[in-house]
Amino acid sequence: MLDVVLLRRQPRLCALLEHALKGVAHRFVPPGAALRDRRVLLAAAVDEGGMDGQTLRFLRRLRTEPDAMRGSIAAVLVDGTGELYTKQVAQELVYAANRAGCLFPGKPALEGTGSLYNQHILAQRRGMSLEETYFCRARELVQRLAAFVPPRFANPRLLVLHASERGRSSTLWLWDQLRPRLDPAIVSCEVTLQNGTVHDCRGCSYRTCLHFAQNGSCFYGGALSETVLPAIRDCDAMLFLCPNYNDAVSANVTALFNRLTSLLLRGDLHQKYLFGMVVSGYSGSDLVARQLLGAMCLNKTAMLPPQFCLTETANDLAAMQALPHIPAKLDAFAQRMERALLPTVESDKNQGGDS
């Protein structure tokens, strides 16, 4: 049974939902309904002004009720009348729901701009019109949501990715404190995205990218093709260590995002979990966390476990080490990672089922 939260009615969105939900057990529930331990489809419509008051009120509910969607699994549909704000609203909904305890499968959001031009690449590949592609993808998303079962691993392989320097980085120090807190069954591997070793994507043609991907490489080669991409391919979960650089991830991490196409052409990341640790010197950790989930979950297909990201504010390593609440925060984050990854009774009990 799916709970459908329709945040704003719009003719095309209503038609989209009718098509996507046909034959799938569902019920429409109000934005204030109980949403714990459910499978939830969040559907929103935006116009040239962006989100409406009801969508904003729902976001405020998620932001102020940390357990509002605990134990739930969700997906998001956002339909727009213009060319702006659909992706922004999708990202905001996913981030707020995740912080409220919700798990998201990989690529859990579908958004359609007013012109539906954002469907044109897939439309060409499928031999469909823009609208046919949009409606087909909405149905596929609903079916994935209804059938999704979160994977667990007896000995999960955790890949830690960073571009920081030990002894100076407060983000890397957090990982060093987190590692001994994790269950020994979680096997971690650390890969450094060092300066000069990860070059950004130059935008090869699709055929060129596909040719090198089929041979397990990339036109630009280097450490990313030889070390980083194989490590991502072989892991069960990724932990990105992301200091806040001008309200964004570092250039090295951005380059990795851009170079993942060659890996995705051979397979997706749907069976891999995404975790993050974000440290800001002043503010803005939410911006970096949303960028991380936008790139790796909404775009690159990794799963988003509940409360996937630990965020903290500290201007330097000494300031971080002096924060009295850090041990408890790390303990809680380690427990969340274990619940997501390990096959325990607690993690499997009623995950996303009917309440």
Protein backbone atom coordinates (compact mmCIF):
# COMPACT_ATOMS: atom_id res chain seq x y z
CA MET A 1 0.00 0.00 0.00
CA LEU A 2 1.37 3.40 -1.01
CA ASP A 3 0.46 6.59 0.83
CA VAL A 4 0.26 9.42 -1.71
CA VAL A 5 0.75 12.93 -0.38
CA LEU A 6 -0.49 15.35 -3.05
CA LEU A 7 0.86 18.73 -2.03
CA ARG A 8 -0.72 20.75 -4.82
CA ARG A 9 -3.19 19.83 -7.51
CA GLN A 10 -2.42 20.56 -11.13
CA PRO A 11 -4.15 18.94 -14.16
CA ARG A 12 -1.04 17.32 -15.64
CA LEU A 13 0.16 16.09 -12.25
CA CYS A 14 -3.24 14.52 -11.52
CA ALA A 15 -3.18 12.77 -14.91
CA LEU A 16 0.39 11.64 -14.24
CA LEU A 17 -0.61 10.14 -10.89
CA GLU A 18 -3.64 8.40 -12.37
CA HIS A 19 -1.40 6.70 -14.94
CA ALA A 20 1.45 5.90 -12.55
CA LEU A 21 -0.77 4.45 -9.81
CA LYS A 22 -3.05 2.34 -12.01
CA GLY A 23 -3.22 -1.18 -10.57
CA VAL A 24 -1.08 -0.24 -7.54
CA ALA A 25 -2.69 -0.34 -4.09
CA HIS A 26 -2.64 3.20 -2.77
CA ARG A 27 -4.52 5.83 -0.84
CA PHE A 28 -4.30 9.63 -0.82
CA VAL A 29 -3.47 11.06 2.59
CA PRO A 30 -3.25 14.70 3.74
CA PRO A 31 0.16 16.33 4.37
CA GLY A 32 -0.45 16.16 8.11
CA ALA A 33 -1.08 12.39 8.16
CA ALA A 34 1.08 9.96 10.10
CA LEU A 35 3.89 8.91 7.74
CA ARG A 36 6.02 6.54 9.83
CA ASP A 37 6.71 2.99 8.63
CA ARG A 38 5.00 3.61 5.30
CA ARG A 39 5.78 3.63 1.60
CA VAL A 40 5.16 7.21 0.56
CA LEU A 41 4.88 8.98 -2.78
CA LEU A 42 5.31 12.73 -2.41
CA ALA A 43 3.76 14.61 -5.32
CA ALA A 44 4.15 18.36 -5.74
CA ALA A 45 3.31 20.90 -8.43
CA VAL A 46 5.28 24.11 -8.89
CA ASP A 47 4.66 27.17 -11.03
CA GLU A 48 6.76 30.16 -12.04
CA GLY A 49 6.90 31.23 -8.38
CA GLY A 50 8.22 27.89 -7.14
CA MET A 51 6.66 25.97 -4.27
CA ASP A 52 3.28 26.98 -2.87
CA GLY A 53 2.30 27.51 0.76
CA GLN A 54 1.15 23.94 1.37
CA THR A 55 4.45 22.48 0.11
CA LEU A 56 6.36 24.92 2.29
CA ARG A 57 4.26 24.00 5.32
CA PHE A 58 4.94 20.32 4.65
CA LEU A 59 8.68 21.03 4.44
CA ARG A 60 8.50 22.90 7.74
CA ARG A 61 6.77 19.89 9.29
CA LEU A 62 9.55 17.56 8.14
CA ARG A 63 12.24 19.97 9.32
CA THR A 64 10.74 20.37 12.78
CA GLU A 65 9.64 16.76 13.39
CA PRO A 66 12.86 14.70 13.26
CA ASP A 67 10.97 11.37 13.33
CA ALA A 68 8.04 12.31 11.07
CA MET A 69 8.98 9.69 8.45
CA ARG A 70 10.95 7.23 10.56
CA GLY A 71 11.00 3.77 9.00
CA SER A 72 9.45 4.93 5.74
CA ILE A 73 10.59 4.52 2.12
CA ALA A 74 9.65 7.25 -0.33
CA ALA A 75 9.88 8.66 -3.83
CA VAL A 76 9.08 12.11 -5.21
CA LEU A 77 7.23 13.48 -8.25
CA VAL A 78 7.46 17.19 -9.05
CA ASP A 79 5.56 18.66 -11.98
CA GLY A 80 6.18 22.21 -13.17
CA THR A 81 4.43 24.75 -15.35
CA GLY A 82 7.72 26.50 -16.13
CA GLU A 83 11.36 25.56 -16.62
CA LEU A 84 12.61 26.41 -13.11
CA TYR A 85 12.32 25.10 -9.54
CA THR A 86 11.29 21.46 -10.20
CA LYS A 87 14.70 20.07 -9.33
CA GLN A 88 15.08 22.45 -6.39
CA VAL A 89 11.76 21.37 -4.86
CA ALA A 90 12.56 17.68 -5.41
CA GLN A 91 15.92 18.10 -3.69
CA GLU A 92 14.38 20.02 -0.77
CA LEU A 93 11.71 17.36 -0.24
CA VAL A 94 14.20 14.49 -0.33
CA TYR A 95 16.63 16.19 2.06
CA ALA A 96 13.93 17.16 4.58
CA ALA A 97 12.27 13.73 4.48
CA ASN A 98 15.62 11.99 4.84
CA ARG A 99 16.46 14.06 7.90
CA ALA A 100 13.05 13.04 9.25
CA GLY A 101 14.06 9.37 9.04
CA CYS A 102 13.05 8.35 5.51
CA LEU A 103 15.01 6.04 3.21
CA PHE A 104 15.11 6.70 -0.55
CA PRO A 105 15.96 4.21 -3.28
CA GLY A 106 18.44 5.34 -5.90
CA LYS A 107 17.16 7.98 -8.35
CA PRO A 108 13.97 8.44 -6.32
CA ALA A 109 12.79 11.71 -7.85
CA LEU A 110 11.16 12.43 -11.20
CA GLU A 111 10.60 16.03 -12.23
CA GLY A 112 8.98 17.39 -15.34
CA THR A 113 9.46 20.95 -16.50
CA GLY A 114 6.65 22.81 -18.23
CA SER A 115 7.96 21.99 -21.71
CA LEU A 116 9.10 18.49 -20.67
CA TYR A 117 12.32 19.21 -22.54
CA ASN A 118 14.20 17.61 -19.63
CA GLN A 119 12.84 14.27 -20.94
CA HIS A 120 14.21 14.65 -24.46
CA ILE A 121 17.32 12.42 -24.22
CA LEU A 122 15.38 9.45 -22.84
CA ALA A 123 12.55 10.15 -25.25
CA GLN A 124 14.97 9.78 -28.16
CA ARG A 125 16.38 6.54 -26.75
CA ARG A 126 12.92 5.08 -26.13
CA GLY A 127 11.40 6.27 -29.37
CA MET A 128 8.59 8.02 -27.48
CA SER A 129 7.17 11.50 -27.27
CA LEU A 130 8.20 13.74 -24.36
CA GLU A 131 4.88 13.19 -22.59
CA GLU A 132 4.88 9.43 -23.18
CA THR A 133 8.38 9.23 -21.71
CA TYR A 134 7.40 11.31 -18.68
CA PHE A 135 4.31 9.21 -17.94
CA CYS A 136 6.20 5.96 -18.48
CA ARG A 137 8.97 7.02 -16.10
CA ALA A 138 6.42 8.01 -13.44
CA ARG A 139 4.90 4.53 -13.58
CA GLU A 140 8.35 2.93 -13.41
CA LEU A 141 9.18 5.03 -10.34
CA VAL A 142 5.97 3.97 -8.56
CA GLN A 143 6.63 0.32 -9.35
CA ARG A 144 10.21 0.57 -8.05
CA LEU A 145 8.96 2.21 -4.87
CA ALA A 146 6.34 -0.49 -4.31
CA ALA A 147 8.83 -3.34 -4.87
CA PHE A 148 11.94 -1.88 -3.24
CA VAL A 149 13.62 -3.95 -0.51
CA PRO A 150 16.62 -2.31 1.22
CA PRO A 151 19.65 -4.60 0.91
CA ARG A 152 21.68 -5.71 3.94
CA PHE A 153 25.20 -7.10 3.98
CA ALA A 154 26.91 -9.58 6.32
CA ASN A 155 30.25 -7.84 5.77
CA PRO A 156 29.50 -4.51 4.08
CA ARG A 157 32.35 -2.87 2.20
CA LEU A 158 32.47 0.83 3.05
CA LEU A 159 34.41 3.13 0.71
CA VAL A 160 35.54 6.42 2.28
CA LEU A 161 36.27 9.16 -0.26
CA HIS A 162 38.00 12.43 0.62
CA ALA A 163 40.47 15.04 -0.60
CA SER A 164 41.68 16.20 2.82
CA GLU A 165 45.01 16.29 4.65
CA ARG A 166 45.36 14.35 7.89
CA GLY A 167 46.44 16.48 10.82
CA ARG A 168 44.64 19.58 9.51
CA SER A 169 41.22 18.44 8.34
CA SER A 170 38.41 18.41 10.90
CA THR A 171 36.29 16.36 8.47
CA LEU A 172 38.96 13.66 8.21
CA TRP A 173 39.39 13.77 11.99
CA LEU A 174 35.66 13.01 12.34
CA TRP A 175 36.12 9.91 10.19
CA ASP A 176 39.10 8.83 12.31
CA GLN A 177 36.83 9.08 15.38
CA LEU A 178 33.94 7.32 13.65
CA ARG A 179 35.90 4.33 12.34
CA PRO A 180 36.50 2.57 15.72
CA ARG A 181 32.84 3.10 16.62
CA LEU A 182 31.62 1.00 13.67
CA ASP A 183 30.85 -2.70 13.99
CA PRO A 184 33.93 -4.77 12.97
CA ALA A 185 31.75 -6.46 10.34
CA ILE A 186 31.89 -3.22 8.33
CA VAL A 187 35.09 -3.33 6.29
CA SER A 188 36.33 0.15 5.36
CA CYS A 189 38.63 1.26 2.58
CA GLU A 190 39.90 4.83 2.26
CA VAL A 191 40.60 6.48 -1.11
CA THR A 192 42.11 9.94 -1.42
CA LEU A 193 41.09 12.24 -4.26
CA GLN A 194 44.35 14.12 -4.21
CA ASN A 195 45.07 17.31 -6.11
CA GLY A 196 46.34 16.62 -9.60
CA THR A 197 45.14 13.00 -9.72
CA VAL A 198 41.46 13.53 -10.55
CA HIS A 199 40.86 15.60 -13.66
CA ASP A 200 37.41 16.94 -14.42
CA CYS A 201 35.28 15.58 -17.26
CA ARG A 202 35.85 17.36 -20.60
CA GLY A 203 32.56 16.28 -22.12
CA CYS A 204 33.33 13.44 -24.53
CA SER A 205 30.60 12.36 -26.91
CA TYR A 206 28.27 9.61 -25.69
CA ARG A 207 29.83 7.09 -28.10
CA THR A 208 33.37 7.92 -26.96
CA CYS A 209 32.41 7.65 -23.29
CA LEU A 210 30.60 4.37 -23.94
CA HIS A 211 33.61 2.93 -25.83
CA PHE A 212 35.99 3.55 -22.91
CA ALA A 213 33.37 2.49 -20.33
CA GLN A 214 32.99 -0.89 -22.01
CA ASN A 215 36.71 -1.38 -21.46
CA GLY A 216 36.48 -0.35 -17.81
CA SER A 217 38.21 2.97 -18.32
CA CYS A 218 37.78 6.61 -19.30
CA PHE A 219 39.34 8.68 -22.07
CA TYR A 220 41.32 10.66 -19.47
CA GLY A 221 42.53 7.59 -17.56
CA GLY A 222 44.65 8.31 -14.49
CA ALA A 223 44.03 7.51 -10.85
CA LEU A 224 40.29 7.84 -11.14
CA SER A 225 40.01 5.10 -13.78
CA GLU A 226 42.66 2.92 -12.15
CA THR A 227 41.69 3.25 -8.47
CA VAL A 228 38.58 5.29 -7.67
CA LEU A 229 36.04 3.89 -10.14
CA PRO A 230 36.94 0.23 -9.40
CA ALA A 231 36.64 0.97 -5.67
CA ILE A 232 33.16 2.46 -6.17
CA ARG A 233 32.16 -0.48 -8.35
CA ASP A 234 33.20 -2.99 -5.67
CA CYS A 235 31.82 -1.30 -2.53
CA ASP A 236 28.45 -1.65 -0.82
CA ALA A 237 28.38 1.87 0.64
CA MET A 238 30.17 5.17 0.12
CA LEU A 239 31.02 7.75 2.77
CA PHE A 240 31.94 11.14 1.32
CA LEU A 241 33.95 13.47 3.57
CA CYS A 242 33.00 16.95 2.40
CA PRO A 243 34.40 20.15 3.89
CA ASN A 244 32.36 23.17 2.85
CA TYR A 245 34.19 25.08 0.10
CA ASN A 246 32.23 28.23 -0.75
CA ASP A 247 28.96 26.43 0.01
CA ALA A 248 29.84 23.49 -2.23
CA VAL A 249 31.86 20.29 -2.24
CA SER A 250 35.52 20.57 -3.21
CA ALA A 251 36.64 20.69 -6.85
CA ASN A 252 38.06 17.16 -6.54
CA VAL A 253 34.72 15.74 -5.43
CA THR A 254 32.90 17.66 -8.15
CA ALA A 255 35.31 16.18 -10.71
CA LEU A 256 34.46 12.72 -9.39
CA PHE A 257 30.74 13.40 -9.79
CA ASN A 258 31.33 14.45 -13.39
CA ARG A 259 33.54 11.47 -14.23
CA LEU A 260 31.12 8.81 -12.92
CA THR A 261 29.32 8.58 -16.27
CA SER A 262 31.78 6.00 -17.56
CA LEU A 263 31.02 3.76 -14.56
CA LEU A 264 27.26 4.22 -14.85
CA LEU A 265 27.30 3.24 -18.51
CA ARG A 266 28.30 -0.27 -17.39
CA GLY A 267 26.03 -0.49 -14.35
CA ASP A 268 24.20 1.62 -11.81
CA LEU A 269 24.69 2.28 -8.10
CA HIS A 270 21.19 1.19 -7.02
CA GLN A 271 22.56 -1.38 -4.55
CA LYS A 272 25.02 1.01 -2.88
CA TYR A 273 24.28 3.27 0.07
CA LEU A 274 25.38 6.89 0.29
CA PHE A 275 26.63 8.49 3.51
CA GLY A 276 28.21 11.88 4.06
CA MET A 277 30.04 13.97 6.64
CA VAL A 278 29.96 17.72 6.03
CA VAL A 279 31.85 20.34 8.05
CA SER A 280 31.36 24.08 7.59
CA GLY A 281 33.56 26.78 9.02
CA TYR A 282 30.64 29.15 9.42
CA SER A 283 27.32 27.88 7.99
CA GLY A 284 25.82 26.21 4.93
CA SER A 285 26.27 22.50 5.67
CA ASP A 286 22.74 21.87 4.38
CA LEU A 287 23.71 23.29 0.97
CA VAL A 288 26.63 20.86 0.68
CA ALA A 289 24.57 17.90 1.91
CA ARG A 290 21.88 18.64 -0.69
CA GLN A 291 24.53 18.90 -3.40
CA LEU A 292 25.91 15.51 -2.36
CA LEU A 293 22.53 13.76 -2.37
CA GLY A 294 21.56 15.55 -5.58
CA ALA A 295 24.62 14.28 -7.41
CA MET A 296 24.94 10.79 -5.96
CA CYS A 297 21.34 9.77 -5.18
CA LEU A 298 18.99 11.79 -7.40
CA ASN A 299 21.37 11.66 -10.37
CA LYS A 300 23.88 8.82 -9.94
CA THR A 301 21.38 6.32 -8.45
CA ALA A 302 22.90 5.49 -5.01
CA MET A 303 20.46 4.76 -2.14
CA LEU A 304 19.93 7.28 0.63
CA PRO A 305 19.64 5.68 4.09
CA PRO A 306 17.76 7.55 6.84
CA GLN A 307 19.63 10.64 8.07
CA PHE A 308 22.45 9.90 5.63
CA CYS A 309 24.63 12.87 6.53
CA LEU A 310 26.38 14.07 9.68
CA THR A 311 26.79 17.85 9.62
CA GLU A 312 28.85 20.03 11.94
CA THR A 313 30.16 23.60 12.20
CA ALA A 314 33.75 24.24 13.29
CA ASN A 315 36.25 26.68 11.82
CA ASP A 316 39.32 24.51 12.43
CA LEU A 317 40.45 21.20 13.88
CA ALA A 318 40.96 22.55 17.40
CA ALA A 319 37.44 23.99 17.41
CA MET A 320 36.03 20.65 16.28
CA GLN A 321 37.92 18.68 18.93
CA ALA A 322 36.65 21.05 21.63
CA LEU A 323 32.95 20.49 20.87
CA PRO A 324 31.50 18.54 23.83
CA HIS A 325 28.67 16.88 21.90
CA ILE A 326 30.85 15.25 19.21
CA PRO A 327 31.26 11.81 20.88
CA ALA A 328 27.49 11.37 21.27
CA LYS A 329 26.88 12.61 17.72
CA LEU A 330 29.40 10.13 16.31
CA ASP A 331 27.92 7.29 18.36
CA ALA A 332 24.47 8.04 16.92
CA PHE A 333 25.79 8.27 13.35
CA ALA A 334 27.66 4.96 13.69
CA GLN A 335 24.46 3.31 14.92
CA ARG A 336 22.52 4.68 11.94
CA MET A 337 25.12 3.31 9.54
CA GLU A 338 24.98 -0.10 11.19
CA ARG A 339 21.16 -0.19 11.07
CA ALA A 340 21.26 0.62 7.37
CA LEU A 341 23.98 -1.85 6.41
CA LEU A 342 23.86 -4.85 8.72
CA PRO A 343 21.21 -7.62 8.72
CA THR A 344 19.97 -7.08 12.27
CA VAL A 345 16.45 -7.78 13.51
CA GLU A 346 15.98 -4.09 14.34
CA SER A 347 16.97 -2.85 10.88
CA ASP A 348 14.74 -5.34 9.03
CA LYS A 349 11.66 -5.11 11.24
CA ASN A 350 8.71 -3.59 9.33
CA GLN A 351 11.05 -1.47 7.15
CA GLY A 352 8.70 0.58 5.04
CA GLY A 353 5.79 -1.82 5.54
CA ASP A 354 2.17 -1.16 6.41
CA SER A 355 1.58 0.32 9.84
